[in-house]
Amino acid sequence: MTFLSHPASQIRPQTVELNFVRFVALSAPIRTVLRQDLSADELAKVDRYLSVKAQDKALQVRFMLRRLLTEYVNGRIAPSAWCFDYGAKGKPCLSTELFAATQIVFNLSHSGDWLLIGMM
């Protein structure tokens, strides 16, 4: 039984960057700043949460994803310029155009007070 579609000699190791972020309570002025780079659909998703705590977490997830992606490309793409597509369960991925330009793959997960964003 073969598990690999390519010979082992063609497999190249990849480096995965892991970013751990602790969620914090946000003040109203900070919320305003974090919202500036988000798209209309992201803001709508944030605003759908009923509790302020849940809204703050959702806002921090989207803000940090955009900021870390910008850092990953050494500032060549502004935080507000990132565009996303969404999987069947709402998981974001880069738009086809941005993936073609950057080849960045990322995943995110959050639990309790922590957010993890991995990218390569």
C-alpha atoms as a PDB file:
ATOM      1  CA  MET A   1       0.000   0.000   0.000  1.00  0.00           C
ATOM      2  CA  THR A   2       1.395   3.408  -0.994  1.00  0.00           C
ATOM      3  CA  PHE A   3       0.649   6.450   1.114  1.00  0.00           C
ATOM      4  CA  LEU A   4       2.719   9.001  -0.781  1.00  0.00           C
ATOM      5  CA  SER A   5       1.872  10.234  -4.228  1.00  0.00           C
ATOM      6  CA  HIS A   6       5.478  11.400  -4.740  1.00  0.00           C
ATOM      7  CA  PRO A   7       8.743   9.582  -4.127  1.00  0.00           C
ATOM      8  CA  ALA A   8      10.306  10.397  -0.771  1.00  0.00           C
ATOM      9  CA  SER A   9      13.158  12.201  -2.547  1.00  0.00           C
ATOM     10  CA  GLN A  10      10.691  14.883  -3.690  1.00  0.00           C
ATOM     11  CA  ILE A  11       9.388  15.662  -0.205  1.00  0.00           C
ATOM     12  CA  ARG A  12      10.955  18.831   1.139  1.00  0.00           C
ATOM     13  CA  PRO A  13      10.726  19.772   4.810  1.00  0.00           C
ATOM     14  CA  GLN A  14       8.686  22.875   5.506  1.00  0.00           C
ATOM     15  CA  THR A  15       9.048  25.300   8.361  1.00  0.00           C
ATOM     16  CA  VAL A  16       5.843  26.124  10.162  1.00  0.00           C
ATOM     17  CA  GLU A  17       5.703  29.384  12.068  1.00  0.00           C
ATOM     18  CA  LEU A  18       3.555  29.102  15.207  1.00  0.00           C
ATOM     19  CA  ASN A  19       2.152  32.227  16.807  1.00  0.00           C
ATOM     20  CA  PHE A  20       0.485  32.088  20.218  1.00  0.00           C
ATOM     21  CA  VAL A  21      -1.595  35.099  21.219  1.00  0.00           C
ATOM     22  CA  ARG A  22      -3.325  35.608  24.549  1.00  0.00           C
ATOM     23  CA  PHE A  23      -6.792  37.129  24.312  1.00  0.00           C
ATOM     24  CA  VAL A  24      -7.309  40.299  26.332  1.00  0.00           C
ATOM     25  CA  ALA A  25     -10.292  42.458  27.230  1.00  0.00           C
ATOM     26  CA  LEU A  26     -10.486  45.404  24.847  1.00  0.00           C
ATOM     27  CA  SER A  27     -11.385  49.009  25.540  1.00  0.00           C
ATOM     28  CA  ALA A  28     -13.755  50.820  23.169  1.00  0.00           C
ATOM     29  CA  PRO A  29     -10.918  52.883  21.574  1.00  0.00           C
ATOM     30  CA  ILE A  30      -8.850  49.742  20.953  1.00  0.00           C
ATOM     31  CA  ARG A  31     -11.882  47.991  19.401  1.00  0.00           C
ATOM     32  CA  THR A  32     -12.195  50.894  16.999  1.00  0.00           C
ATOM     33  CA  VAL A  33      -8.538  50.620  15.963  1.00  0.00           C
ATOM     34  CA  LEU A  34      -8.689  46.839  15.487  1.00  0.00           C
ATOM     35  CA  ARG A  35     -11.819  47.089  13.325  1.00  0.00           C
ATOM     36  CA  GLN A  36     -10.140  49.424  10.803  1.00  0.00           C
ATOM     37  CA  ASP A  37      -8.381  46.737   8.740  1.00  0.00           C
ATOM     38  CA  LEU A  38     -11.226  44.210   8.683  1.00  0.00           C
ATOM     39  CA  SER A  39     -13.508  43.667   5.705  1.00  0.00           C
ATOM     40  CA  ALA A  40     -17.264  44.230   5.863  1.00  0.00           C
ATOM     41  CA  ASP A  41     -17.973  40.480   6.044  1.00  0.00           C
ATOM     42  CA  GLU A  42     -15.497  40.050   8.909  1.00  0.00           C
ATOM     43  CA  LEU A  43     -17.065  42.948  10.811  1.00  0.00           C
ATOM     44  CA  ALA A  44     -20.511  41.423  10.296  1.00  0.00           C
ATOM     45  CA  LYS A  45     -19.264  38.110  11.751  1.00  0.00           C
ATOM     46  CA  VAL A  46     -17.759  39.876  14.765  1.00  0.00           C
ATOM     47  CA  ASP A  47     -20.942  41.854  15.358  1.00  0.00           C
ATOM     48  CA  ARG A  48     -23.131  38.730  15.276  1.00  0.00           C
ATOM     49  CA  TYR A  49     -21.792  37.618  18.645  1.00  0.00           C
ATOM     50  CA  LEU A  50     -24.058  38.687  21.491  1.00  0.00           C
ATOM     51  CA  SER A  51     -21.492  39.061  24.253  1.00  0.00           C
ATOM     52  CA  VAL A  52     -18.766  41.684  24.215  1.00  0.00           C
ATOM     53  CA  LYS A  53     -16.233  39.042  25.297  1.00  0.00           C
ATOM     54  CA  ALA A  54     -17.034  36.875  22.258  1.00  0.00           C
ATOM     55  CA  GLN A  55     -16.910  39.924  19.977  1.00  0.00           C
ATOM     56  CA  ASP A  56     -13.516  40.878  21.420  1.00  0.00           C
ATOM     57  CA  LYS A  57     -12.142  37.385  20.765  1.00  0.00           C
ATOM     58  CA  ALA A  58     -13.462  37.312  17.198  1.00  0.00           C
ATOM     59  CA  LEU A  59     -12.034  40.766  16.561  1.00  0.00           C
ATOM     60  CA  GLN A  60      -8.627  39.783  17.917  1.00  0.00           C
ATOM     61  CA  VAL A  61      -8.551  36.599  15.805  1.00  0.00           C
ATOM     62  CA  ARG A  62      -9.163  38.499  12.569  1.00  0.00           C
ATOM     63  CA  PHE A  63      -6.870  41.396  13.473  1.00  0.00           C
ATOM     64  CA  MET A  64      -3.977  39.140  14.496  1.00  0.00           C
ATOM     65  CA  LEU A  65      -4.346  36.946  11.410  1.00  0.00           C
ATOM     66  CA  ARG A  66      -4.058  39.993   9.147  1.00  0.00           C
ATOM     67  CA  ARG A  67      -1.111  41.438  11.103  1.00  0.00           C
ATOM     68  CA  LEU A  68       0.807  38.161  11.186  1.00  0.00           C
ATOM     69  CA  LEU A  69       0.258  37.591   7.461  1.00  0.00           C
ATOM     70  CA  THR A  70       1.630  41.083   6.784  1.00  0.00           C
ATOM     71  CA  GLU A  71       4.676  40.354   8.961  1.00  0.00           C
ATOM     72  CA  TYR A  72       5.158  37.030   7.165  1.00  0.00           C
ATOM     73  CA  VAL A  73       5.514  38.853   3.824  1.00  0.00           C
ATOM     74  CA  ASN A  74       7.737  41.565   5.337  1.00  0.00           C
ATOM     75  CA  GLY A  75       5.086  44.263   4.915  1.00  0.00           C
ATOM     76  CA  ARG A  76       4.638  43.801   1.152  1.00  0.00           C
ATOM     77  CA  ILE A  77       0.871  43.397   1.649  1.00  0.00           C
ATOM     78  CA  ALA A  78      -1.009  45.734   3.996  1.00  0.00           C
ATOM     79  CA  PRO A  79      -3.220  44.214   6.710  1.00  0.00           C
ATOM     80  CA  SER A  80      -6.333  45.659   5.072  1.00  0.00           C
ATOM     81  CA  ALA A  81      -5.451  44.123   1.673  1.00  0.00           C
ATOM     82  CA  TRP A  82      -5.757  40.463   2.695  1.00  0.00           C
ATOM     83  CA  CYS A  83      -8.789  38.726   1.167  1.00  0.00           C
ATOM     84  CA  PHE A  84     -10.131  35.382   2.292  1.00  0.00           C
ATOM     85  CA  ASP A  85     -12.273  32.553   1.022  1.00  0.00           C
ATOM     86  CA  TYR A  86     -14.092  30.294   3.450  1.00  0.00           C
ATOM     87  CA  GLY A  87     -14.482  26.525   3.659  1.00  0.00           C
ATOM     88  CA  ALA A  88     -17.737  24.669   4.248  1.00  0.00           C
ATOM     89  CA  LYS A  89     -17.407  25.171   8.017  1.00  0.00           C
ATOM     90  CA  GLY A  90     -16.328  28.804   7.797  1.00  0.00           C
ATOM     91  CA  LYS A  91     -12.570  28.229   8.096  1.00  0.00           C
ATOM     92  CA  PRO A  92     -10.702  31.030   6.295  1.00  0.00           C
ATOM     93  CA  CYS A  93      -8.006  30.560   3.671  1.00  0.00           C
ATOM     94  CA  LEU A  94      -6.328  33.060   1.401  1.00  0.00           C
ATOM     95  CA  SER A  95      -8.225  34.098  -1.704  1.00  0.00           C
ATOM     96  CA  THR A  96      -7.095  32.334  -4.873  1.00  0.00           C
ATOM     97  CA  GLU A  97      -5.301  35.478  -6.054  1.00  0.00           C
ATOM     98  CA  LEU A  98      -3.400  36.040  -2.790  1.00  0.00           C
ATOM     99  CA  PHE A  99      -2.503  32.373  -2.441  1.00  0.00           C
ATOM    100  CA  ALA A 100      -1.104  32.387  -5.998  1.00  0.00           C
ATOM    101  CA  ALA A 101       0.978  35.463  -5.124  1.00  0.00           C
ATOM    102  CA  THR A 102       2.250  34.305  -1.722  1.00  0.00           C
ATOM    103  CA  GLN A 103       1.835  30.501  -1.478  1.00  0.00           C
ATOM    104  CA  ILE A 104       1.036  30.997   2.230  1.00  0.00           C
ATOM    105  CA  VAL A 105      -0.961  28.293   3.958  1.00  0.00           C
ATOM    106  CA  PHE A 106      -2.263  29.000   7.444  1.00  0.00           C
ATOM    107  CA  ASN A 107      -4.532  27.554  10.072  1.00  0.00           C
ATOM    108  CA  LEU A 108      -5.872  28.962  13.281  1.00  0.00           C
ATOM    109  CA  SER A 109      -7.364  27.591  16.441  1.00  0.00           C
ATOM    110  CA  HIS A 110      -8.467  29.124  19.697  1.00  0.00           C
ATOM    111  CA  SER A 111      -9.414  27.773  23.053  1.00  0.00           C
ATOM    112  CA  GLY A 112      -9.979  29.552  26.325  1.00  0.00           C
ATOM    113  CA  ASP A 113      -7.674  32.543  26.523  1.00  0.00           C
ATOM    114  CA  TRP A 114      -5.351  31.540  23.669  1.00  0.00           C
ATOM    115  CA  LEU A 115      -5.205  31.852  19.892  1.00  0.00           C
ATOM    116  CA  LEU A 116      -2.795  29.798  17.789  1.00  0.00           C
ATOM    117  CA  ILE A 117      -2.013  30.754  14.214  1.00  0.00           C
ATOM    118  CA  GLY A 118       0.319  28.541  12.221  1.00  0.00           C
ATOM    119  CA  MET A 119       1.591  29.440   8.767  1.00  0.00           C
ATOM    120  CA  MET A 120       3.995  28.251   6.150  1.00  0.00           C
END
